[in-house]
Amino acid sequence: MEAFLDQLVPDESWELFQRVMPLPAKRPQGGGRRRADDRPILAAIVFVATTGCTWRQLPPGFGASWQTVHRRFADRSRARVWAKLYRVILDELGSRGEPDWSRCVIDSVSVRAAKGGSLTGPNPVDRGKKGSKIHLITERTGLPTSVAISAANAYDSLALEPLVRSIPPIRSREASPAGQAPR
């Protein structure tokens, strides 16, 4: 099972995750069960995200219950750990010169939004039911660089400019120190 966990969270990914992971809170009263290890928990989160299984369907070999895995996922989501990790990964890839900006791909998908909201509209491909569009831009190799949401009845062309403007600045190998011209 350990080889499977290492496959889901390789050493390099674990090191990047440790940069953004908040320190665990100490229990003021002490006692209780020993805290489950964070690396198998991260592997369980990756497993759920990549397989599409529900939290309850999580196999028992991850060293923690599905409730613990879900609680840690929710805690890290509230702490914006995933957004910070995404930035660290983009900067790490950029420092290696790996993003290929020679071409980009932009696509969108329409999804139902039964509960409504400010970014919904009548979906023209789903009999006018409320829906949203998720727009995504990737660089040539498929690395997602920006995501946007709009009403389902909005033209894709209207999302292009905001999508491109929201691409975060990525540290690159070609970047020069402040005040110096690039070579």
N, C-alpha and C. Protein backbone atom coordinates (compact mmCIF):
# COMPACT_ATOMS: atom_id res chain seq x y z
N MET A 1 0.83 -1.20 0.00
CA MET A 1 0.00 0.00 0.00
C MET A 1 0.87 1.26 0.00
N GLU A 2 2.05 1.17 0.61
CA GLU A 2 2.91 2.35 0.69
C GLU A 2 3.36 2.81 -0.70
N ALA A 3 3.61 1.85 -1.60
CA ALA A 3 4.00 2.21 -2.97
C ALA A 3 2.86 2.94 -3.67
N PHE A 4 1.62 2.52 -3.39
CA PHE A 4 0.45 3.17 -3.97
C PHE A 4 0.33 4.61 -3.44
N LEU A 5 0.57 4.80 -2.15
CA LEU A 5 0.52 6.14 -1.57
C LEU A 5 1.61 7.03 -2.17
N ASP A 6 2.81 6.47 -2.37
CA ASP A 6 3.90 7.24 -2.97
C ASP A 6 3.60 7.58 -4.42
N GLN A 7 2.81 6.74 -5.08
CA GLN A 7 2.42 7.02 -6.46
C GLN A 7 1.43 8.19 -6.51
N LEU A 8 0.53 8.25 -5.54
CA LEU A 8 -0.44 9.33 -5.49
C LEU A 8 0.19 10.65 -5.06
N VAL A 9 1.14 10.58 -4.12
CA VAL A 9 1.82 11.78 -3.61
C VAL A 9 3.33 11.52 -3.63
N PRO A 10 3.97 11.76 -4.79
CA PRO A 10 5.42 11.56 -4.87
C PRO A 10 6.17 12.51 -3.93
N ASP A 11 7.41 12.20 -3.64
CA ASP A 11 8.21 13.01 -2.72
C ASP A 11 8.25 14.48 -3.12
N GLU A 12 8.42 14.76 -4.40
CA GLU A 12 8.49 16.15 -4.86
C GLU A 12 7.17 16.89 -4.59
N SER A 13 6.05 16.22 -4.82
CA SER A 13 4.74 16.84 -4.54
C SER A 13 4.56 17.05 -3.05
N TRP A 14 5.01 16.11 -2.25
CA TRP A 14 4.88 16.23 -0.80
C TRP A 14 5.67 17.42 -0.28
N GLU A 15 6.88 17.61 -0.82
CA GLU A 15 7.70 18.74 -0.41
C GLU A 15 7.02 20.07 -0.74
N LEU A 16 6.40 20.16 -1.92
CA LEU A 16 5.69 21.38 -2.29
C LEU A 16 4.49 21.60 -1.37
N PHE A 17 3.78 20.52 -1.04
CA PHE A 17 2.61 20.64 -0.16
C PHE A 17 3.02 21.11 1.23
N GLN A 18 4.16 20.63 1.73
CA GLN A 18 4.61 21.02 3.06
C GLN A 18 4.91 22.52 3.16
N ARG A 19 5.24 23.16 2.03
CA ARG A 19 5.50 24.60 2.04
C ARG A 19 4.26 25.41 2.39
N VAL A 20 3.08 24.92 2.02
CA VAL A 20 1.85 25.70 2.20
C VAL A 20 0.94 25.15 3.29
N MET A 21 1.26 24.00 3.83
CA MET A 21 0.39 23.38 4.83
C MET A 21 0.53 24.09 6.17
N PRO A 22 -0.61 24.50 6.76
CA PRO A 22 -0.54 25.13 8.08
C PRO A 22 -0.15 24.11 9.14
N LEU A 23 0.46 24.60 10.20
CA LEU A 23 0.83 23.70 11.29
C LEU A 23 -0.44 23.21 11.99
N PRO A 24 -0.45 21.94 12.40
CA PRO A 24 -1.64 21.44 13.09
C PRO A 24 -1.83 22.14 14.43
N ALA A 25 -3.09 22.39 14.77
CA ALA A 25 -3.41 23.05 16.03
C ALA A 25 -3.21 22.07 17.19
N LYS A 26 -2.65 22.57 18.26
CA LYS A 26 -2.47 21.76 19.47
C LYS A 26 -3.78 21.72 20.23
N ARG A 27 -4.13 20.57 20.73
CA ARG A 27 -5.33 20.47 21.55
C ARG A 27 -5.03 21.02 22.93
N PRO A 28 -5.77 22.02 23.39
CA PRO A 28 -5.44 22.66 24.67
C PRO A 28 -5.57 21.71 25.85
N GLN A 29 -6.48 20.75 25.77
CA GLN A 29 -6.67 19.85 26.90
C GLN A 29 -5.74 18.64 26.83
N GLY A 30 -5.06 18.48 25.69
CA GLY A 30 -4.17 17.33 25.55
C GLY A 30 -4.97 16.05 25.40
N GLY A 31 -4.27 14.94 25.36
CA GLY A 31 -4.95 13.64 25.27
C GLY A 31 -5.57 13.41 23.92
N GLY A 32 -6.49 12.47 23.86
CA GLY A 32 -7.15 12.13 22.60
C GLY A 32 -6.32 11.17 21.78
N ARG A 33 -6.81 10.84 20.62
CA ARG A 33 -6.09 9.94 19.73
C ARG A 33 -4.91 10.65 19.09
N ARG A 34 -3.95 9.84 18.67
CA ARG A 34 -2.81 10.38 17.95
C ARG A 34 -3.29 10.87 16.59
N ARG A 35 -2.81 12.02 16.17
CA ARG A 35 -3.21 12.63 14.91
C ARG A 35 -2.78 11.75 13.74
N ALA A 36 -3.67 11.56 12.78
CA ALA A 36 -3.35 10.78 11.58
C ALA A 36 -2.30 11.52 10.76
N ASP A 37 -1.39 10.77 10.16
CA ASP A 37 -0.31 11.33 9.36
C ASP A 37 -0.87 12.09 8.16
N ASP A 38 -0.27 13.24 7.84
CA ASP A 38 -0.78 14.11 6.79
C ASP A 38 -0.56 13.57 5.38
N ARG A 39 0.53 12.85 5.15
CA ARG A 39 0.79 12.38 3.78
C ARG A 39 -0.23 11.36 3.30
N PRO A 40 -0.60 10.34 4.09
CA PRO A 40 -1.67 9.44 3.63
C PRO A 40 -3.01 10.16 3.48
N ILE A 41 -3.25 11.17 4.31
CA ILE A 41 -4.49 11.95 4.18
C ILE A 41 -4.49 12.68 2.84
N LEU A 42 -3.36 13.29 2.48
CA LEU A 42 -3.28 13.97 1.19
C LEU A 42 -3.46 12.96 0.05
N ALA A 43 -2.87 11.78 0.19
CA ALA A 43 -3.05 10.74 -0.83
C ALA A 43 -4.51 10.35 -0.96
N ALA A 44 -5.22 10.28 0.15
CA ALA A 44 -6.65 9.95 0.11
C ALA A 44 -7.44 11.05 -0.60
N ILE A 45 -7.08 12.31 -0.35
CA ILE A 45 -7.76 13.43 -1.02
C ILE A 45 -7.50 13.37 -2.52
N VAL A 46 -6.26 13.09 -2.91
CA VAL A 46 -5.92 12.96 -4.32
C VAL A 46 -6.69 11.78 -4.94
N PHE A 47 -6.81 10.69 -4.20
CA PHE A 47 -7.55 9.52 -4.68
C PHE A 47 -9.00 9.88 -4.97
N VAL A 48 -9.64 10.57 -4.04
CA VAL A 48 -11.05 10.97 -4.23
C VAL A 48 -11.17 11.92 -5.42
N ALA A 49 -10.24 12.86 -5.54
CA ALA A 49 -10.31 13.85 -6.61
C ALA A 49 -10.07 13.22 -7.98
N THR A 50 -9.21 12.21 -8.06
CA THR A 50 -8.87 11.64 -9.36
C THR A 50 -9.78 10.48 -9.77
N THR A 51 -10.38 9.80 -8.82
CA THR A 51 -11.25 8.66 -9.18
C THR A 51 -12.71 9.05 -9.26
N GLY A 52 -13.09 10.13 -8.59
CA GLY A 52 -14.49 10.53 -8.60
C GLY A 52 -15.34 9.78 -7.59
N CYS A 53 -14.72 8.97 -6.73
CA CYS A 53 -15.50 8.26 -5.72
C CYS A 53 -15.95 9.26 -4.64
N THR A 54 -16.96 8.89 -3.90
CA THR A 54 -17.43 9.74 -2.81
C THR A 54 -16.52 9.54 -1.60
N TRP A 55 -16.62 10.44 -0.65
CA TRP A 55 -15.82 10.31 0.57
C TRP A 55 -16.13 8.99 1.26
N ARG A 56 -17.38 8.62 1.29
CA ARG A 56 -17.79 7.37 1.97
C ARG A 56 -17.24 6.13 1.29
N GLN A 57 -16.92 6.20 0.01
CA GLN A 57 -16.39 5.06 -0.74
C GLN A 57 -14.87 4.94 -0.63
N LEU A 58 -14.25 5.79 0.14
CA LEU A 58 -12.80 5.78 0.27
C LEU A 58 -12.33 4.43 0.84
N PRO A 59 -11.40 3.74 0.16
CA PRO A 59 -10.91 2.46 0.67
C PRO A 59 -10.24 2.63 2.04
N PRO A 60 -10.26 1.60 2.88
CA PRO A 60 -9.74 1.73 4.25
C PRO A 60 -8.22 1.79 4.38
N GLY A 61 -7.44 1.63 3.32
CA GLY A 61 -5.99 1.54 3.44
C GLY A 61 -5.25 2.85 3.60
N PHE A 62 -5.93 3.96 3.78
CA PHE A 62 -5.26 5.25 3.86
C PHE A 62 -4.90 5.66 5.29
N GLY A 63 -5.23 4.85 6.26
CA GLY A 63 -4.81 5.13 7.64
C GLY A 63 -5.70 6.08 8.39
N ALA A 64 -6.84 6.45 7.83
CA ALA A 64 -7.77 7.35 8.51
C ALA A 64 -9.17 7.09 7.95
N SER A 65 -10.16 7.45 8.72
CA SER A 65 -11.54 7.27 8.27
C SER A 65 -11.87 8.31 7.21
N TRP A 66 -12.93 8.06 6.45
CA TRP A 66 -13.33 9.02 5.43
C TRP A 66 -13.73 10.34 6.07
N GLN A 67 -14.26 10.28 7.31
CA GLN A 67 -14.65 11.52 7.99
C GLN A 67 -13.43 12.40 8.27
N THR A 68 -12.34 11.77 8.70
CA THR A 68 -11.12 12.52 8.98
C THR A 68 -10.56 13.13 7.70
N VAL A 69 -10.55 12.34 6.64
CA VAL A 69 -10.04 12.83 5.35
C VAL A 69 -10.88 14.01 4.88
N HIS A 70 -12.19 13.88 4.95
CA HIS A 70 -13.07 14.97 4.51
C HIS A 70 -12.90 16.21 5.38
N ARG A 71 -12.77 16.02 6.68
CA ARG A 71 -12.59 17.16 7.60
C ARG A 71 -11.30 17.91 7.27
N ARG A 72 -10.21 17.17 7.03
CA ARG A 72 -8.94 17.83 6.69
C ARG A 72 -9.05 18.54 5.34
N PHE A 73 -9.75 17.93 4.38
CA PHE A 73 -9.96 18.58 3.09
C PHE A 73 -10.71 19.91 3.28
N ALA A 74 -11.77 19.87 4.07
CA ALA A 74 -12.57 21.08 4.32
C ALA A 74 -11.76 22.14 5.06
N ASP A 75 -10.99 21.72 6.07
CA ASP A 75 -10.15 22.66 6.81
C ASP A 75 -9.14 23.34 5.90
N ARG A 76 -8.52 22.55 5.03
CA ARG A 76 -7.51 23.11 4.13
C ARG A 76 -8.15 23.97 3.05
N SER A 77 -9.37 23.66 2.68
CA SER A 77 -10.07 24.50 1.72
C SER A 77 -10.37 25.86 2.33
N ARG A 78 -10.83 25.87 3.58
CA ARG A 78 -11.10 27.14 4.26
C ARG A 78 -9.82 27.96 4.44
N ALA A 79 -8.70 27.29 4.64
CA ALA A 79 -7.41 27.98 4.83
C ALA A 79 -6.77 28.35 3.48
N ARG A 80 -7.46 28.08 2.37
CA ARG A 80 -6.98 28.37 1.02
C ARG A 80 -5.66 27.68 0.69
N VAL A 81 -5.43 26.52 1.29
CA VAL A 81 -4.21 25.76 1.05
C VAL A 81 -4.10 25.35 -0.42
N TRP A 82 -5.23 24.98 -1.04
CA TRP A 82 -5.19 24.49 -2.42
C TRP A 82 -4.80 25.61 -3.37
N ALA A 83 -5.28 26.82 -3.13
CA ALA A 83 -4.91 27.96 -3.97
C ALA A 83 -3.42 28.29 -3.80
N LYS A 84 -2.94 28.22 -2.57
CA LYS A 84 -1.52 28.48 -2.31
C LYS A 84 -0.65 27.40 -2.96
N LEU A 85 -1.10 26.15 -2.88
CA LEU A 85 -0.35 25.05 -3.50
C LEU A 85 -0.30 25.23 -5.01
N TYR A 86 -1.41 25.65 -5.59
CA TYR A 86 -1.45 25.89 -7.04
C TYR A 86 -0.42 26.95 -7.44
N ARG A 87 -0.34 28.04 -6.67
CA ARG A 87 0.64 29.09 -6.96
C ARG A 87 2.07 28.56 -6.84
N VAL A 88 2.33 27.77 -5.80
CA VAL A 88 3.68 27.21 -5.61
C VAL A 88 4.04 26.30 -6.78
N ILE A 89 3.09 25.48 -7.22
CA ILE A 89 3.35 24.57 -8.34
C ILE A 89 3.61 25.36 -9.62
N LEU A 90 2.79 26.39 -9.89
CA LEU A 90 3.02 27.21 -11.08
C LEU A 90 4.40 27.86 -11.05
N ASP A 91 4.78 28.42 -9.90
CA ASP A 91 6.09 29.06 -9.80
C ASP A 91 7.23 28.05 -9.94
N GLU A 92 7.05 26.87 -9.37
CA GLU A 92 8.08 25.83 -9.49
C GLU A 92 8.25 25.41 -10.94
N LEU A 93 7.14 25.17 -11.63
CA LEU A 93 7.22 24.81 -13.05
C LEU A 93 7.80 25.95 -13.87
N GLY A 94 7.41 27.19 -13.53
CA GLY A 94 7.94 28.35 -14.24
C GLY A 94 9.43 28.52 -14.06
N SER A 95 9.93 28.24 -12.86
CA SER A 95 11.37 28.38 -12.61
C SER A 95 12.18 27.34 -13.40
N ARG A 96 11.54 26.25 -13.77
CA ARG A 96 12.20 25.22 -14.59
C ARG A 96 12.01 25.49 -16.08
N GLY A 97 11.20 26.48 -16.42
CA GLY A 97 10.94 26.78 -17.82
C GLY A 97 10.01 25.79 -18.48
N GLU A 98 9.18 25.10 -17.68
CA GLU A 98 8.32 24.04 -18.24
C GLU A 98 7.04 24.52 -18.89
N PRO A 99 6.39 25.59 -18.44
CA PRO A 99 5.18 25.99 -19.17
C PRO A 99 5.51 26.37 -20.61
N ASP A 100 4.73 25.88 -21.55
CA ASP A 100 4.94 26.15 -22.96
C ASP A 100 3.86 27.12 -23.41
N TRP A 101 4.24 28.40 -23.56
CA TRP A 101 3.28 29.45 -23.89
C TRP A 101 3.15 29.64 -25.39
N SER A 102 3.72 28.74 -26.19
CA SER A 102 3.63 28.91 -27.65
C SER A 102 2.19 28.79 -28.14
N ARG A 103 1.35 28.06 -27.43
CA ARG A 103 -0.06 27.94 -27.77
C ARG A 103 -0.85 27.78 -26.48
N CYS A 104 -2.10 28.20 -26.53
CA CYS A 104 -3.02 28.01 -25.41
C CYS A 104 -4.30 27.40 -25.92
N VAL A 105 -5.00 26.72 -25.04
CA VAL A 105 -6.29 26.12 -25.38
C VAL A 105 -7.32 26.70 -24.42
N ILE A 106 -8.44 27.11 -24.96
CA ILE A 106 -9.54 27.64 -24.16
C ILE A 106 -10.77 26.79 -24.44
N ASP A 107 -11.46 26.39 -23.39
CA ASP A 107 -12.66 25.58 -23.55
C ASP A 107 -13.64 25.94 -22.44
N SER A 108 -14.88 25.53 -22.61
CA SER A 108 -15.88 25.76 -21.57
C SER A 108 -16.84 24.59 -21.52
N VAL A 109 -17.50 24.45 -20.40
CA VAL A 109 -18.50 23.41 -20.21
C VAL A 109 -19.70 24.03 -19.50
N SER A 110 -20.88 23.64 -19.90
CA SER A 110 -22.10 24.12 -19.25
C SER A 110 -22.50 23.13 -18.16
N VAL A 111 -22.87 23.66 -17.01
CA VAL A 111 -23.31 22.82 -15.90
C VAL A 111 -24.62 23.35 -15.35
N ARG A 112 -25.43 22.46 -14.82
CA ARG A 112 -26.70 22.86 -14.23
C ARG A 112 -26.46 23.55 -12.90
N ALA A 113 -27.25 24.56 -12.62
CA ALA A 113 -27.15 25.31 -11.37
C ALA A 113 -28.56 25.39 -10.78
N ALA A 114 -29.03 24.30 -10.23
CA ALA A 114 -30.41 24.20 -9.75
C ALA A 114 -30.74 25.23 -8.67
N LYS A 115 -29.75 25.60 -7.86
CA LYS A 115 -30.00 26.54 -6.76
C LYS A 115 -29.89 27.99 -7.20
N GLY A 116 -29.53 28.23 -8.46
CA GLY A 116 -29.43 29.59 -8.95
C GLY A 116 -28.18 30.29 -8.49
N GLY A 117 -28.21 31.59 -8.47
CA GLY A 117 -27.06 32.39 -8.06
C GLY A 117 -26.81 33.49 -9.05
N SER A 118 -25.86 34.37 -8.74
CA SER A 118 -25.62 35.54 -9.59
C SER A 118 -24.97 35.17 -10.92
N LEU A 119 -24.27 34.06 -10.99
CA LEU A 119 -23.60 33.66 -12.23
C LEU A 119 -24.35 32.54 -12.94
N THR A 120 -25.68 32.64 -12.97
CA THR A 120 -26.48 31.65 -13.68
C THR A 120 -27.34 32.35 -14.72
N GLY A 121 -27.80 31.56 -15.65
CA GLY A 121 -28.69 32.08 -16.68
C GLY A 121 -29.36 30.90 -17.36
N PRO A 122 -30.36 31.16 -18.20
CA PRO A 122 -31.03 30.06 -18.88
C PRO A 122 -30.06 29.34 -19.81
N ASN A 123 -29.92 28.05 -19.63
CA ASN A 123 -28.97 27.26 -20.40
C ASN A 123 -29.59 26.89 -21.74
N PRO A 124 -29.02 27.36 -22.85
CA PRO A 124 -29.62 27.08 -24.16
C PRO A 124 -29.54 25.61 -24.58
N VAL A 125 -28.67 24.82 -23.97
CA VAL A 125 -28.56 23.41 -24.33
C VAL A 125 -29.25 22.50 -23.33
N ASP A 126 -29.90 23.07 -22.31
CA ASP A 126 -30.60 22.26 -21.31
C ASP A 126 -32.01 22.80 -21.08
N ARG A 127 -32.74 23.02 -22.18
CA ARG A 127 -34.15 23.43 -22.15
C ARG A 127 -34.39 24.67 -21.29
N GLY A 128 -33.45 25.58 -21.27
CA GLY A 128 -33.63 26.85 -20.56
C GLY A 128 -33.52 26.77 -19.05
N LYS A 129 -33.09 25.63 -18.50
CA LYS A 129 -32.92 25.53 -17.04
C LYS A 129 -31.72 26.37 -16.61
N LYS A 130 -31.72 26.79 -15.35
CA LYS A 130 -30.62 27.63 -14.85
C LYS A 130 -29.31 26.86 -14.95
N GLY A 131 -28.28 27.58 -15.37
CA GLY A 131 -26.98 26.95 -15.51
C GLY A 131 -25.86 27.97 -15.53
N SER A 132 -24.66 27.45 -15.45
CA SER A 132 -23.44 28.27 -15.50
C SER A 132 -22.49 27.64 -16.49
N LYS A 133 -21.49 28.42 -16.90
CA LYS A 133 -20.42 27.91 -17.74
C LYS A 133 -19.12 28.04 -16.97
N ILE A 134 -18.32 27.01 -17.05
CA ILE A 134 -16.98 27.04 -16.48
C ILE A 134 -16.01 27.16 -17.65
N HIS A 135 -15.23 28.22 -17.69
CA HIS A 135 -14.27 28.47 -18.75
C HIS A 135 -12.88 28.16 -18.22
N LEU A 136 -12.04 27.56 -19.05
CA LEU A 136 -10.70 27.15 -18.65
C LEU A 136 -9.72 27.49 -19.76
N ILE A 137 -8.54 27.97 -19.36
CA ILE A 137 -7.46 28.19 -20.32
C ILE A 137 -6.25 27.41 -19.84
N THR A 138 -5.61 26.71 -20.77
CA THR A 138 -4.41 25.93 -20.44
C THR A 138 -3.29 26.35 -21.40
N GLU A 139 -2.06 26.09 -20.96
CA GLU A 139 -0.95 26.29 -21.88
C GLU A 139 -0.83 25.03 -22.74
N ARG A 140 0.15 24.97 -23.61
CA ARG A 140 0.22 23.92 -24.64
C ARG A 140 0.19 22.50 -24.09
N THR A 141 0.80 22.25 -22.94
CA THR A 141 0.88 20.88 -22.41
C THR A 141 -0.35 20.49 -21.60
N GLY A 142 -1.28 21.42 -21.40
CA GLY A 142 -2.50 21.11 -20.67
C GLY A 142 -2.52 21.60 -19.24
N LEU A 143 -1.52 22.36 -18.83
CA LEU A 143 -1.48 22.90 -17.48
C LEU A 143 -2.53 23.99 -17.34
N PRO A 144 -3.53 23.81 -16.46
CA PRO A 144 -4.55 24.86 -16.31
C PRO A 144 -3.94 26.12 -15.72
N THR A 145 -4.21 27.25 -16.35
CA THR A 145 -3.64 28.50 -15.87
C THR A 145 -4.69 29.48 -15.38
N SER A 146 -5.94 29.34 -15.82
CA SER A 146 -6.97 30.26 -15.39
C SER A 146 -8.35 29.62 -15.55
N VAL A 147 -9.24 29.93 -14.61
CA VAL A 147 -10.61 29.42 -14.63
C VAL A 147 -11.55 30.59 -14.38
N ALA A 148 -12.69 30.60 -15.07
CA ALA A 148 -13.70 31.63 -14.85
C ALA A 148 -15.08 31.00 -14.94
N ILE A 149 -16.05 31.65 -14.34
CA ILE A 149 -17.43 31.17 -14.36
C ILE A 149 -18.32 32.28 -14.88
N SER A 150 -19.28 31.91 -15.72
CA SER A 150 -20.24 32.89 -16.24
C SER A 150 -21.61 32.23 -16.34
N ALA A 151 -22.60 33.02 -16.68
CA ALA A 151 -23.94 32.48 -16.88
C ALA A 151 -23.93 31.58 -18.12
N ALA A 152 -24.79 30.58 -18.12
CA ALA A 152 -24.81 29.61 -19.22
C ALA A 152 -25.21 30.23 -20.55
N ASN A 153 -25.95 31.32 -20.52
CA ASN A 153 -26.40 31.93 -21.76
C ASN A 153 -25.45 33.02 -22.27
N ALA A 154 -24.32 33.20 -21.62
CA ALA A 154 -23.34 34.19 -22.06
C ALA A 154 -22.50 33.59 -23.19
N TYR A 155 -22.15 34.44 -24.16
CA TYR A 155 -21.30 33.98 -25.26
C TYR A 155 -19.90 33.70 -24.73
N ASP A 156 -19.27 32.64 -25.27
CA ASP A 156 -17.92 32.30 -24.85
C ASP A 156 -16.93 33.43 -25.13
N SER A 157 -17.15 34.18 -26.20
CA SER A 157 -16.23 35.26 -26.55
C SER A 157 -16.18 36.34 -25.47
N LEU A 158 -17.26 36.50 -24.69
CA LEU A 158 -17.27 37.50 -23.63
C LEU A 158 -16.36 37.10 -22.46
N ALA A 159 -16.09 35.81 -22.32
CA ALA A 159 -15.25 35.34 -21.22
C ALA A 159 -13.77 35.36 -21.58
N LEU A 160 -13.45 35.53 -22.85
CA LEU A 160 -12.05 35.45 -23.29
C LEU A 160 -11.14 36.46 -22.61
N GLU A 161 -11.49 37.73 -22.67
CA GLU A 161 -10.61 38.75 -22.11
C GLU A 161 -10.44 38.60 -20.60
N PRO A 162 -11.52 38.44 -19.81
CA PRO A 162 -11.31 38.25 -18.36
C PRO A 162 -10.51 36.98 -18.04
N LEU A 163 -10.67 35.96 -18.86
CA LEU A 163 -9.95 34.71 -18.64
C LEU A 163 -8.45 34.92 -18.85
N VAL A 164 -8.10 35.59 -19.93
CA VAL A 164 -6.68 35.84 -20.22
C VAL A 164 -6.08 36.79 -19.18
N ARG A 165 -6.83 37.81 -18.78
CA ARG A 165 -6.33 38.76 -17.78
C ARG A 165 -6.11 38.12 -16.41
N SER A 166 -6.85 37.04 -16.13
CA SER A 166 -6.74 36.42 -14.80
C SER A 166 -5.63 35.37 -14.74
N ILE A 167 -4.87 35.19 -15.81
CA ILE A 167 -3.71 34.27 -15.74
C ILE A 167 -2.73 34.88 -14.75
N PRO A 168 -2.37 34.15 -13.71
CA PRO A 168 -1.47 34.73 -12.71
C PRO A 168 -0.06 34.89 -13.25
N PRO A 169 0.67 35.88 -12.73
CA PRO A 169 2.08 35.99 -13.13
C PRO A 169 2.83 34.76 -12.61
N ILE A 170 3.58 34.13 -13.48
CA ILE A 170 4.30 32.91 -13.13
C ILE A 170 5.79 33.19 -13.22
N ARG A 171 6.48 32.86 -12.14
CA ARG A 171 7.93 33.03 -12.13
C ARG A 171 8.52 32.15 -13.23
N SER A 172 9.43 32.70 -14.01
CA SER A 172 10.01 31.89 -15.09
C SER A 172 11.53 31.98 -15.05
N ARG A 173 12.13 31.06 -15.75
CA ARG A 173 13.58 31.00 -15.82
C ARG A 173 14.13 32.24 -16.52
N GLU A 174 13.37 32.79 -17.46
CA GLU A 174 13.81 33.94 -18.23
C GLU A 174 13.63 35.25 -17.47
N ALA A 175 12.95 35.24 -16.35
CA ALA A 175 12.69 36.48 -15.59
C ALA A 175 14.01 37.07 -15.12
N SER A 176 14.09 38.39 -15.21
CA SER A 176 15.31 39.06 -14.79
C SER A 176 15.05 39.78 -13.47
N PRO A 177 16.09 40.09 -12.69
CA PRO A 177 15.91 40.86 -11.46
C PRO A 177 15.31 42.22 -11.76
N ALA A 178 14.65 42.78 -10.78
CA ALA A 178 13.97 44.08 -10.96
C ALA A 178 14.95 45.14 -11.45
N GLY A 179 14.50 45.89 -12.42
CA GLY A 179 15.32 47.00 -12.93
C GLY A 179 16.29 46.63 -14.03
N GLN A 180 16.44 45.34 -14.34
CA GLN A 180 17.36 44.94 -15.38
C GLN A 180 16.57 44.48 -16.60
N ALA A 181 17.10 44.75 -17.76
CA ALA A 181 16.45 44.32 -18.99
C ALA A 181 16.73 42.84 -19.21
N PRO A 182 15.73 42.10 -19.72
CA PRO A 182 15.99 40.69 -20.02
C PRO A 182 16.98 40.55 -21.16
N ARG A 183 17.74 39.47 -21.16
CA ARG A 183 18.77 39.26 -22.19
C ARG A 183 18.18 38.62 -23.41
